[in-house]
Amino acid sequence: MGTSPEAVGGPRTTTTTVCPILSPSNLLPPKTYSGAGRLLLIVIAFVGFLLAGCGTKPSQELNVFVAASLREAFNDLILAYEENHQDVDVIGNFAGSQLLRVQIEEGATADVYISANEQHMRQLNENGFVTASVTTAATNELVLAVPTGNPANINTVDDLLRADSRVVMAGPAVPAGAYAREMLKKYGEYAGRPAVARNILDRTISFETNVRMVAAKLELGEADAGFVYRTDVLAADGRLEIIDVPVEVQVSARYPMATLSTSNAPRLAQQFVVFVRSGEAQKILKTYGFGKSPQSDGMPS
């Protein structure tokens, strides 16, 4: 199985495996054998190679376009799927949901799409790319995060208004960026100061193309605070910490999932969607901090 870089969404990298049985030194018997004996041993070697299936590839490919924030969890999930379907090679394309949607709209070969919010799935659905009902792969939660130790002493959302605060978040077209704006709007209403959201946006030093880049800037100390998913903080292995916000302003994230009309393997695509919602797959997602998919879903209006 191969995966593409999360921010680029390019083709996967393939590795050629050399079967030792085809090595010239292994194919050629010692010169002490007669000509007929040498020929017989070569034939036996080739038959053994064919029977062993050395170097063979899975007979089917499945292209899964997945939101960047799901990358680590889905790497494990895909491996689990392939263990039970050894004739299938699942190719994961990980990037910002908006970039993946554009790739699909421009003709990329994709069988399954998993977005980090409903907006991009809804656009694909309206344009005829979704072939079945939309289900939920997992859930998540947006949080305000800071580098470990909180060097800038950010303790509340209001601290983001300080002149020296360096705030980073995803762009408005990125699900995490849309969720961040929703949280800021809710905070302004909660605090009775609607202008807070605009003021913080005006002070933001960078708008990234996916949430993993926001987390990376925080980990590198290039920003004092930023909006990421709870799972990004867990994946940072202690390099980030969460600043609590009032429960009234918290924002949950849903990952809609669907098979696509561009699929070259619709049966396999549907089979993969069913697997993602299975107990085995949901257990993998839970280990990375994702919430369980609801029992009943569909495309929200």
C-alpha atoms as a PDB file:
ATOM      1  CA  MET A   1       0.000   0.000   0.000  1.00  0.00           C
ATOM      2  CA  GLY A   2       1.225   3.512  -0.759  1.00  0.00           C
ATOM      3  CA  THR A   3       0.098   6.953   0.217  1.00  0.00           C
ATOM      4  CA  SER A   4       0.623  10.340  -1.331  1.00  0.00           C
ATOM      5  CA  PRO A   5       1.824  13.444   0.547  1.00  0.00           C
ATOM      6  CA  GLU A   6      -1.092  14.998   2.399  1.00  0.00           C
ATOM      7  CA  ALA A   7      -0.633  18.518   1.097  1.00  0.00           C
ATOM      8  CA  VAL A   8       0.166  17.601  -2.491  1.00  0.00           C
ATOM      9  CA  GLY A   9      -2.231  14.790  -3.269  1.00  0.00           C
ATOM     10  CA  GLY A  10       0.054  13.395  -5.965  1.00  0.00           C
ATOM     11  CA  PRO A  11       0.393   9.812  -7.152  1.00  0.00           C
ATOM     12  CA  ARG A  12       1.662   7.216  -4.735  1.00  0.00           C
ATOM     13  CA  THR A  13       5.250   6.077  -4.694  1.00  0.00           C
ATOM     14  CA  THR A  14       5.743   2.497  -5.810  1.00  0.00           C
ATOM     15  CA  THR A  15       8.593   0.203  -4.869  1.00  0.00           C
ATOM     16  CA  THR A  16       9.771  -2.615  -7.104  1.00  0.00           C
ATOM     17  CA  THR A  17      10.489  -5.842  -5.237  1.00  0.00           C
ATOM     18  CA  VAL A  18      13.190  -8.031  -6.733  1.00  0.00           C
ATOM     19  CA  CYS A  19      12.493 -11.716  -6.288  1.00  0.00           C
ATOM     20  CA  PRO A  20      15.667 -13.519  -5.265  1.00  0.00           C
ATOM     21  CA  ILE A  21      14.695 -16.557  -7.260  1.00  0.00           C
ATOM     22  CA  LEU A  22      15.209 -14.552 -10.466  1.00  0.00           C
ATOM     23  CA  SER A  23      18.740 -13.549  -9.580  1.00  0.00           C
ATOM     24  CA  PRO A  24      21.094 -14.748 -12.352  1.00  0.00           C
ATOM     25  CA  SER A  25      23.320 -16.430  -9.771  1.00  0.00           C
ATOM     26  CA  ASN A  26      20.325 -18.351  -8.442  1.00  0.00           C
ATOM     27  CA  LEU A  27      18.980 -19.344 -11.849  1.00  0.00           C
ATOM     28  CA  LEU A  28      22.211 -20.784 -13.200  1.00  0.00           C
ATOM     29  CA  PRO A  29      23.147 -24.194 -11.725  1.00  0.00           C
ATOM     30  CA  PRO A  30      26.773 -25.054 -11.035  1.00  0.00           C
ATOM     31  CA  LYS A  31      28.789 -25.877 -14.159  1.00  0.00           C
ATOM     32  CA  THR A  32      29.423 -29.361 -12.825  1.00  0.00           C
ATOM     33  CA  TYR A  33      25.930 -30.384 -14.039  1.00  0.00           C
ATOM     34  CA  SER A  34      25.450 -31.673 -17.560  1.00  0.00           C
ATOM     35  CA  GLY A  35      23.700 -29.473 -20.109  1.00  0.00           C
ATOM     36  CA  ALA A  36      20.415 -31.381 -19.706  1.00  0.00           C
ATOM     37  CA  GLY A  37      20.679 -31.226 -15.913  1.00  0.00           C
ATOM     38  CA  ARG A  38      21.302 -27.522 -15.959  1.00  0.00           C
ATOM     39  CA  LEU A  39      18.287 -26.941 -18.204  1.00  0.00           C
ATOM     40  CA  LEU A  40      16.078 -29.079 -15.938  1.00  0.00           C
ATOM     41  CA  LEU A  41      17.104 -27.111 -12.848  1.00  0.00           C
ATOM     42  CA  ILE A  42      16.369 -23.804 -14.600  1.00  0.00           C
ATOM     43  CA  VAL A  43      12.884 -25.030 -15.524  1.00  0.00           C
ATOM     44  CA  ILE A  44      12.267 -26.183 -11.941  1.00  0.00           C
ATOM     45  CA  ALA A  45      13.371 -22.774 -10.655  1.00  0.00           C
ATOM     46  CA  PHE A  46      10.935 -20.953 -12.938  1.00  0.00           C
ATOM     47  CA  VAL A  47       8.073 -23.281 -12.013  1.00  0.00           C
ATOM     48  CA  GLY A  48       8.814 -22.704  -8.334  1.00  0.00           C
ATOM     49  CA  PHE A  49       8.742 -18.949  -8.945  1.00  0.00           C
ATOM     50  CA  LEU A  50       5.358 -19.134 -10.647  1.00  0.00           C
ATOM     51  CA  LEU A  51       3.848 -21.337  -7.956  1.00  0.00           C
ATOM     52  CA  ALA A  52       5.154 -19.146  -5.146  1.00  0.00           C
ATOM     53  CA  GLY A  53       3.746 -16.019  -6.777  1.00  0.00           C
ATOM     54  CA  CYS A  54       6.923 -14.086  -5.966  1.00  0.00           C
ATOM     55  CA  GLY A  55       6.604 -10.428  -6.993  1.00  0.00           C
ATOM     56  CA  THR A  56       2.927 -10.647  -7.894  1.00  0.00           C
ATOM     57  CA  LYS A  57       0.722  -7.599  -7.344  1.00  0.00           C
ATOM     58  CA  PRO A  58      -2.879  -7.361  -6.089  1.00  0.00           C
ATOM     59  CA  SER A  59      -5.292  -7.732  -8.983  1.00  0.00           C
ATOM     60  CA  GLN A  60      -7.448  -4.711  -8.048  1.00  0.00           C
ATOM     61  CA  GLU A  61      -6.776  -1.118  -7.019  1.00  0.00           C
ATOM     62  CA  LEU A  62      -8.966   1.133  -4.921  1.00  0.00           C
ATOM     63  CA  ASN A  63      -8.302   4.883  -4.838  1.00  0.00           C
ATOM     64  CA  VAL A  64      -9.441   6.479  -1.595  1.00  0.00           C
ATOM     65  CA  PHE A  65      -9.349  10.290  -1.261  1.00  0.00           C
ATOM     66  CA  VAL A  66      -9.136  11.139   2.448  1.00  0.00           C
ATOM     67  CA  ALA A  67      -9.019  14.394   4.437  1.00  0.00           C
ATOM     68  CA  ALA A  68      -5.501  15.143   5.704  1.00  0.00           C
ATOM     69  CA  SER A  69      -6.462  15.000   9.378  1.00  0.00           C
ATOM     70  CA  LEU A  70      -7.321  11.304   9.008  1.00  0.00           C
ATOM     71  CA  ARG A  71      -3.963  10.294   7.564  1.00  0.00           C
ATOM     72  CA  GLU A  72      -2.338   8.324  10.405  1.00  0.00           C
ATOM     73  CA  ALA A  73      -5.554   6.582  11.387  1.00  0.00           C
ATOM     74  CA  PHE A  74      -6.389   5.636   7.810  1.00  0.00           C
ATOM     75  CA  ASN A  75      -2.902   4.313   7.131  1.00  0.00           C
ATOM     76  CA  ASP A  76      -3.582   1.710   9.829  1.00  0.00           C
ATOM     77  CA  LEU A  77      -7.178   1.225   8.721  1.00  0.00           C
ATOM     78  CA  ILE A  78      -6.131   0.586   5.120  1.00  0.00           C
ATOM     79  CA  LEU A  79      -3.549  -1.970   6.247  1.00  0.00           C
ATOM     80  CA  ALA A  80      -6.256  -3.767   8.219  1.00  0.00           C
ATOM     81  CA  TYR A  81      -8.522  -3.807   5.164  1.00  0.00           C
ATOM     82  CA  GLU A  82      -5.759  -5.134   2.909  1.00  0.00           C
ATOM     83  CA  GLU A  83      -4.979  -7.948   5.350  1.00  0.00           C
ATOM     84  CA  ASN A  84      -8.523  -9.216   4.816  1.00  0.00           C
ATOM     85  CA  HIS A  85      -8.551  -8.446   1.073  1.00  0.00           C
ATOM     86  CA  GLN A  86      -5.114  -9.413  -0.197  1.00  0.00           C
ATOM     87  CA  ASP A  87      -6.183  -9.086  -3.832  1.00  0.00           C
ATOM     88  CA  VAL A  88      -6.886  -5.357  -3.321  1.00  0.00           C
ATOM     89  CA  ASP A  89      -4.304  -2.540  -3.213  1.00  0.00           C
ATOM     90  CA  VAL A  90      -5.808   0.514  -1.497  1.00  0.00           C
ATOM     91  CA  ILE A  91      -4.113   3.754  -2.572  1.00  0.00           C
ATOM     92  CA  GLY A  92      -4.624   6.564  -0.086  1.00  0.00           C
ATOM     93  CA  ASN A  93      -4.558  10.143  -1.350  1.00  0.00           C
ATOM     94  CA  PHE A  94      -4.374  12.488   1.657  1.00  0.00           C
ATOM     95  CA  ALA A  95      -4.812  16.260   1.330  1.00  0.00           C
ATOM     96  CA  GLY A  96      -7.069  19.128   2.314  1.00  0.00           C
ATOM     97  CA  SER A  97     -10.705  18.244   1.608  1.00  0.00           C
ATOM     98  CA  GLN A  98     -11.077  21.183  -0.777  1.00  0.00           C
ATOM     99  CA  LEU A  99      -8.036  20.108  -2.828  1.00  0.00           C
ATOM    100  CA  LEU A 100      -9.323  16.542  -3.066  1.00  0.00           C
ATOM    101  CA  ARG A 101     -12.742  17.777  -4.211  1.00  0.00           C
ATOM    102  CA  VAL A 102     -11.142  19.848  -6.976  1.00  0.00           C
ATOM    103  CA  GLN A 103      -9.059  16.863  -8.100  1.00  0.00           C
ATOM    104  CA  ILE A 104     -12.211  14.731  -8.355  1.00  0.00           C
ATOM    105  CA  GLU A 105     -14.052  17.450 -10.263  1.00  0.00           C
ATOM    106  CA  GLU A 106     -11.128  17.709 -12.684  1.00  0.00           C
ATOM    107  CA  GLY A 107     -11.216  14.004 -13.505  1.00  0.00           C
ATOM    108  CA  ALA A 108      -8.918  12.286 -11.016  1.00  0.00           C
ATOM    109  CA  THR A 109      -9.540   8.564 -10.608  1.00  0.00           C
ATOM    110  CA  ALA A 110     -11.227   8.210  -7.251  1.00  0.00           C
ATOM    111  CA  ASP A 111     -13.435   5.499  -5.780  1.00  0.00           C
ATOM    112  CA  VAL A 112     -14.191   6.823  -2.280  1.00  0.00           C
ATOM    113  CA  TYR A 113     -14.127  10.371  -0.894  1.00  0.00           C
ATOM    114  CA  ILE A 114     -13.941  11.231   2.817  1.00  0.00           C
ATOM    115  CA  SER A 115     -14.175  14.926   3.608  1.00  0.00           C
ATOM    116  CA  ALA A 116     -13.651  16.756   6.892  1.00  0.00           C
ATOM    117  CA  ASN A 117     -16.952  18.625   6.546  1.00  0.00           C
ATOM    118  CA  GLU A 118     -20.268  18.502   4.715  1.00  0.00           C
ATOM    119  CA  GLN A 119     -19.634  21.473   2.411  1.00  0.00           C
ATOM    120  CA  HIS A 120     -17.284  19.769  -0.040  1.00  0.00           C
ATOM    121  CA  MET A 121     -19.250  16.526  -0.042  1.00  0.00           C
ATOM    122  CA  ARG A 122     -22.426  18.498  -0.725  1.00  0.00           C
ATOM    123  CA  GLN A 123     -20.799  20.199  -3.709  1.00  0.00           C
ATOM    124  CA  LEU A 124     -19.760  16.859  -5.185  1.00  0.00           C
ATOM    125  CA  ASN A 125     -23.223  15.488  -4.544  1.00  0.00           C
ATOM    126  CA  GLU A 126     -24.886  18.436  -6.289  1.00  0.00           C
ATOM    127  CA  ASN A 127     -22.577  17.980  -9.293  1.00  0.00           C
ATOM    128  CA  GLY A 128     -23.422  14.290  -9.675  1.00  0.00           C
ATOM    129  CA  PHE A 129     -20.206  12.738  -8.362  1.00  0.00           C
ATOM    130  CA  VAL A 130     -21.772  10.922  -5.403  1.00  0.00           C
ATOM    131  CA  THR A 131     -23.374   7.602  -6.320  1.00  0.00           C
ATOM    132  CA  ALA A 132     -24.767   6.383  -3.002  1.00  0.00           C
ATOM    133  CA  SER A 133     -26.042   7.750   0.280  1.00  0.00           C
ATOM    134  CA  VAL A 134     -23.524   9.702   2.325  1.00  0.00           C
ATOM    135  CA  THR A 135     -22.474   8.133   5.619  1.00  0.00           C
ATOM    136  CA  THR A 136     -20.145   9.259   8.407  1.00  0.00           C
ATOM    137  CA  ALA A 137     -16.657   7.818   8.772  1.00  0.00           C
ATOM    138  CA  ALA A 138     -15.826   9.467  12.102  1.00  0.00           C
ATOM    139  CA  THR A 139     -16.241  12.578  14.220  1.00  0.00           C
ATOM    140  CA  ASN A 140     -13.762  15.015  15.752  1.00  0.00           C
ATOM    141  CA  GLU A 141     -13.578  18.275  17.716  1.00  0.00           C
ATOM    142  CA  LEU A 142     -11.921  21.587  16.938  1.00  0.00           C
ATOM    143  CA  VAL A 143      -9.664  22.965  19.689  1.00  0.00           C
ATOM    144  CA  LEU A 144      -7.479  25.969  20.419  1.00  0.00           C
ATOM    145  CA  ALA A 145      -3.915  24.671  20.695  1.00  0.00           C
ATOM    146  CA  VAL A 146      -0.551  26.112  21.730  1.00  0.00           C
ATOM    147  CA  PRO A 147       3.029  24.782  21.779  1.00  0.00           C
ATOM    148  CA  THR A 148       3.817  22.757  24.888  1.00  0.00           C
ATOM    149  CA  GLY A 149       4.648  25.016  27.810  1.00  0.00           C
ATOM    150  CA  ASN A 150       2.461  27.789  26.327  1.00  0.00           C
ATOM    151  CA  PRO A 151       5.377  30.238  25.907  1.00  0.00           C
ATOM    152  CA  ALA A 152       3.094  33.110  24.841  1.00  0.00           C
ATOM    153  CA  ASN A 153       0.825  32.601  27.874  1.00  0.00           C
ATOM    154  CA  ILE A 154      -2.381  32.173  25.868  1.00  0.00           C
ATOM    155  CA  ASN A 155      -5.115  31.233  28.346  1.00  0.00           C
ATOM    156  CA  THR A 156      -8.366  32.377  26.713  1.00  0.00           C
ATOM    157  CA  VAL A 157      -9.673  33.261  23.264  1.00  0.00           C
ATOM    158  CA  ASP A 158      -9.394  36.930  24.275  1.00  0.00           C
ATOM    159  CA  ASP A 159      -5.618  36.528  24.554  1.00  0.00           C
ATOM    160  CA  LEU A 160      -5.529  36.068  20.788  1.00  0.00           C
ATOM    161  CA  LEU A 161      -6.366  39.783  20.522  1.00  0.00           C
ATOM    162  CA  ARG A 162      -3.057  40.833  22.067  1.00  0.00           C
ATOM    163  CA  ALA A 163      -0.825  42.742  19.687  1.00  0.00           C
ATOM    164  CA  ASP A 164       2.038  40.298  20.164  1.00  0.00           C
ATOM    165  CA  SER A 165      -0.032  37.122  19.672  1.00  0.00           C
ATOM    166  CA  ARG A 166       0.775  35.108  16.560  1.00  0.00           C
ATOM    167  CA  VAL A 167      -2.337  33.202  15.501  1.00  0.00           C
ATOM    168  CA  VAL A 168      -2.495  30.621  12.711  1.00  0.00           C
ATOM    169  CA  MET A 169      -5.444  28.720  11.246  1.00  0.00           C
ATOM    170  CA  ALA A 170      -6.529  27.035   8.043  1.00  0.00           C
ATOM    171  CA  GLY A 171      -7.988  29.019   5.160  1.00  0.00           C
ATOM    172  CA  PRO A 172     -11.745  29.546   4.832  1.00  0.00           C
ATOM    173  CA  ALA A 173     -12.156  26.842   2.177  1.00  0.00           C
ATOM    174  CA  VAL A 174     -10.474  24.257   4.431  1.00  0.00           C
ATOM    175  CA  PRO A 175     -12.880  22.461   6.808  1.00  0.00           C
ATOM    176  CA  ALA A 176     -10.730  23.230   9.858  1.00  0.00           C
ATOM    177  CA  GLY A 177     -10.652  26.880   8.798  1.00  0.00           C
ATOM    178  CA  ALA A 178     -14.426  26.986   8.451  1.00  0.00           C
ATOM    179  CA  TYR A 179     -14.801  25.364  11.870  1.00  0.00           C
ATOM    180  CA  ALA A 180     -12.374  27.937  13.360  1.00  0.00           C
ATOM    181  CA  ARG A 181     -14.468  30.803  12.027  1.00  0.00           C
ATOM    182  CA  GLU A 182     -17.577  29.139  13.406  1.00  0.00           C
ATOM    183  CA  MET A 183     -15.945  28.880  16.845  1.00  0.00           C
ATOM    184  CA  LEU A 184     -14.854  32.523  16.784  1.00  0.00           C
ATOM    185  CA  LYS A 185     -18.323  33.640  15.762  1.00  0.00           C
ATOM    186  CA  LYS A 186     -19.872  31.626  18.601  1.00  0.00           C
ATOM    187  CA  TYR A 187     -17.336  33.065  21.030  1.00  0.00           C
ATOM    188  CA  GLY A 188     -18.188  36.626  19.975  1.00  0.00           C
ATOM    189  CA  GLU A 189     -21.876  35.933  20.572  1.00  0.00           C
ATOM    190  CA  TYR A 190     -21.115  34.232  23.893  1.00  0.00           C
ATOM    191  CA  ALA A 191     -18.969  37.155  25.079  1.00  0.00           C
ATOM    192  CA  GLY A 192     -21.388  39.765  23.752  1.00  0.00           C
ATOM    193  CA  ARG A 193     -18.699  41.159  21.433  1.00  0.00           C
ATOM    194  CA  PRO A 194     -19.433  40.089  17.840  1.00  0.00           C
ATOM    195  CA  ALA A 195     -16.392  41.991  16.531  1.00  0.00           C
ATOM    196  CA  VAL A 196     -14.022  39.562  18.287  1.00  0.00           C
ATOM    197  CA  ALA A 197     -14.103  37.126  15.380  1.00  0.00           C
ATOM    198  CA  ARG A 198     -13.158  39.752  12.786  1.00  0.00           C
ATOM    199  CA  ASN A 199     -10.462  41.237  14.995  1.00  0.00           C
ATOM    200  CA  ILE A 200      -8.790  37.861  15.533  1.00  0.00           C
ATOM    201  CA  LEU A 201      -8.988  37.043  11.830  1.00  0.00           C
ATOM    202  CA  ASP A 202      -7.327  40.365  11.055  1.00  0.00           C
ATOM    203  CA  ARG A 203      -4.462  39.487  13.436  1.00  0.00           C
ATOM    204  CA  THR A 204      -3.952  35.968  12.065  1.00  0.00           C
ATOM    205  CA  ILE A 205      -0.460  35.694  10.572  1.00  0.00           C
ATOM    206  CA  SER A 206      -1.078  32.716   8.281  1.00  0.00           C
ATOM    207  CA  PHE A 207      -3.945  30.814   6.664  1.00  0.00           C
ATOM    208  CA  GLU A 208      -2.839  27.283   5.761  1.00  0.00           C
ATOM    209  CA  THR A 209      -4.107  24.909   3.067  1.00  0.00           C
ATOM    210  CA  ASN A 210      -4.724  22.056   5.523  1.00  0.00           C
ATOM    211  CA  VAL A 211      -4.930  21.591   9.264  1.00  0.00           C
ATOM    212  CA  ARG A 212      -1.736  19.537   9.508  1.00  0.00           C
ATOM    213  CA  MET A 213       0.252  22.558   8.372  1.00  0.00           C
ATOM    214  CA  VAL A 214      -1.333  24.592  11.171  1.00  0.00           C
ATOM    215  CA  ALA A 215      -0.241  21.951  13.694  1.00  0.00           C
ATOM    216  CA  ALA A 216       3.259  21.891  12.176  1.00  0.00           C
ATOM    217  CA  LYS A 217       3.698  25.649  12.607  1.00  0.00           C
ATOM    218  CA  LEU A 218       2.656  25.395  16.228  1.00  0.00           C
ATOM    219  CA  GLU A 219       5.039  22.494  16.860  1.00  0.00           C
ATOM    220  CA  LEU A 220       7.907  24.459  15.289  1.00  0.00           C
ATOM    221  CA  GLY A 221       7.151  27.513  17.425  1.00  0.00           C
ATOM    222  CA  GLU A 222       6.305  29.635  14.390  1.00  0.00           C
ATOM    223  CA  ALA A 223       2.969  30.612  15.942  1.00  0.00           C
ATOM    224  CA  ASP A 224       1.674  31.111  19.485  1.00  0.00           C
ATOM    225  CA  ALA A 225      -1.796  29.608  19.063  1.00  0.00           C
ATOM    226  CA  GLY A 226      -3.908  27.990  16.379  1.00  0.00           C
ATOM    227  CA  PHE A 227      -7.073  26.061  15.685  1.00  0.00           C
ATOM    228  CA  VAL A 228      -6.622  22.358  15.014  1.00  0.00           C
ATOM    229  CA  TYR A 229      -8.481  19.129  15.735  1.00  0.00           C
ATOM    230  CA  ARG A 230      -8.206  17.337  19.051  1.00  0.00           C
ATOM    231  CA  THR A 231      -6.663  14.408  17.150  1.00  0.00           C
ATOM    232  CA  ASP A 232      -3.874  16.673  15.851  1.00  0.00           C
ATOM    233  CA  VAL A 233      -2.881  17.451  19.426  1.00  0.00           C
ATOM    234  CA  LEU A 234      -2.832  13.741  20.267  1.00  0.00           C
ATOM    235  CA  ALA A 235      -0.739  13.011  17.162  1.00  0.00           C
ATOM    236  CA  ALA A 236       1.799  15.660  18.191  1.00  0.00           C
ATOM    237  CA  ASP A 237       3.111  13.359  20.948  1.00  0.00           C
ATOM    238  CA  GLY A 238       3.292  16.008  23.646  1.00  0.00           C
ATOM    239  CA  ARG A 239       4.449  18.911  21.491  1.00  0.00           C
ATOM    240  CA  LEU A 240       1.064  20.661  21.675  1.00  0.00           C
ATOM    241  CA  GLU A 241      -1.448  21.320  24.427  1.00  0.00           C
ATOM    242  CA  ILE A 242      -5.085  22.414  24.453  1.00  0.00           C
ATOM    243  CA  ILE A 243      -6.454  25.677  25.824  1.00  0.00           C
ATOM    244  CA  ASP A 244      -9.967  25.161  27.177  1.00  0.00           C
ATOM    245  CA  VAL A 245     -12.795  27.186  25.682  1.00  0.00           C
ATOM    246  CA  PRO A 246     -16.357  27.504  27.051  1.00  0.00           C
ATOM    247  CA  VAL A 247     -18.546  24.545  26.196  1.00  0.00           C
ATOM    248  CA  GLU A 248     -21.004  26.955  24.581  1.00  0.00           C
ATOM    249  CA  VAL A 249     -18.535  27.753  21.794  1.00  0.00           C
ATOM    250  CA  GLN A 250     -17.116  24.283  21.120  1.00  0.00           C
ATOM    251  CA  VAL A 251     -17.434  22.960  17.572  1.00  0.00           C
ATOM    252  CA  SER A 252     -17.725  19.335  16.493  1.00  0.00           C
ATOM    253  CA  ALA A 253     -16.561  18.006  13.127  1.00  0.00           C
ATOM    254  CA  ARG A 254     -18.125  15.244  11.039  1.00  0.00           C
ATOM    255  CA  TYR A 255     -16.338  13.305   8.276  1.00  0.00           C
ATOM    256  CA  PRO A 256     -18.859  12.433   5.531  1.00  0.00           C
ATOM    257  CA  MET A 257     -17.934   9.502   3.281  1.00  0.00           C
ATOM    258  CA  ALA A 258     -19.320   8.302  -0.051  1.00  0.00           C
ATOM    259  CA  THR A 259     -18.563   6.231  -3.141  1.00  0.00           C
ATOM    260  CA  LEU A 260     -18.105   8.161  -6.380  1.00  0.00           C
ATOM    261  CA  SER A 261     -19.351   7.987  -9.948  1.00  0.00           C
ATOM    262  CA  THR A 262     -15.706   8.158 -11.099  1.00  0.00           C
ATOM    263  CA  SER A 263     -15.040   4.770  -9.494  1.00  0.00           C
ATOM    264  CA  ASN A 264     -13.610   1.979 -11.628  1.00  0.00           C
ATOM    265  CA  ALA A 265     -14.501  -0.510  -8.885  1.00  0.00           C
ATOM    266  CA  PRO A 266     -17.903   0.464  -7.437  1.00  0.00           C
ATOM    267  CA  ARG A 267     -18.420  -2.866  -5.675  1.00  0.00           C
ATOM    268  CA  LEU A 268     -15.060  -2.620  -3.912  1.00  0.00           C
ATOM    269  CA  ALA A 269     -15.693   1.038  -3.096  1.00  0.00           C
ATOM    270  CA  GLN A 270     -18.943   0.191  -1.333  1.00  0.00           C
ATOM    271  CA  GLN A 271     -17.240  -2.711   0.428  1.00  0.00           C
ATOM    272  CA  PHE A 272     -14.569  -0.327   1.744  1.00  0.00           C
ATOM    273  CA  VAL A 273     -17.196   2.154   2.994  1.00  0.00           C
ATOM    274  CA  VAL A 274     -18.910  -0.656   4.905  1.00  0.00           C
ATOM    275  CA  PHE A 275     -15.554  -1.663   6.406  1.00  0.00           C
ATOM    276  CA  VAL A 276     -14.824   1.891   7.610  1.00  0.00           C
ATOM    277  CA  ARG A 277     -18.039   1.806   9.634  1.00  0.00           C
ATOM    278  CA  SER A 278     -17.338  -1.665  11.022  1.00  0.00           C
ATOM    279  CA  GLY A 279     -16.364  -2.321  14.621  1.00  0.00           C
ATOM    280  CA  GLU A 280     -12.785  -3.181  13.624  1.00  0.00           C
ATOM    281  CA  ALA A 281     -12.232   0.062  11.731  1.00  0.00           C
ATOM    282  CA  GLN A 282     -13.981   2.227  14.323  1.00  0.00           C
ATOM    283  CA  LYS A 283     -11.715   0.748  17.000  1.00  0.00           C
ATOM    284  CA  ILE A 284      -8.675   1.853  14.981  1.00  0.00           C
ATOM    285  CA  LEU A 285     -10.112   5.355  14.596  1.00  0.00           C
ATOM    286  CA  LYS A 286     -10.823   5.520  18.323  1.00  0.00           C
ATOM    287  CA  THR A 287      -7.158   4.829  19.157  1.00  0.00           C
ATOM    288  CA  TYR A 288      -6.307   8.039  17.288  1.00  0.00           C
ATOM    289  CA  GLY A 289      -8.928  10.041  19.190  1.00  0.00           C
ATOM    290  CA  PHE A 290     -11.727  10.095  16.636  1.00  0.00           C
ATOM    291  CA  GLY A 291     -15.330   9.780  17.720  1.00  0.00           C
ATOM    292  CA  LYS A 292     -17.579   6.958  16.608  1.00  0.00           C
ATOM    293  CA  SER A 293     -19.671   7.361  13.473  1.00  0.00           C
ATOM    294  CA  PRO A 294     -23.397   7.723  14.229  1.00  0.00           C
ATOM    295  CA  GLN A 295     -25.706   4.808  13.472  1.00  0.00           C
ATOM    296  CA  SER A 296     -27.955   6.901  11.283  1.00  0.00           C
ATOM    297  CA  ASP A 297     -26.788   9.512   8.855  1.00  0.00           C
ATOM    298  CA  GLY A 298     -27.195  11.012   5.433  1.00  0.00           C
ATOM    299  CA  MET A 299     -26.440  14.170   3.533  1.00  0.00           C
ATOM    300  CA  PRO A 300     -27.588  17.098   5.622  1.00  0.00           C
ATOM    301  CA  SER A 301     -29.749  19.671   3.862  1.00  0.00           C
END
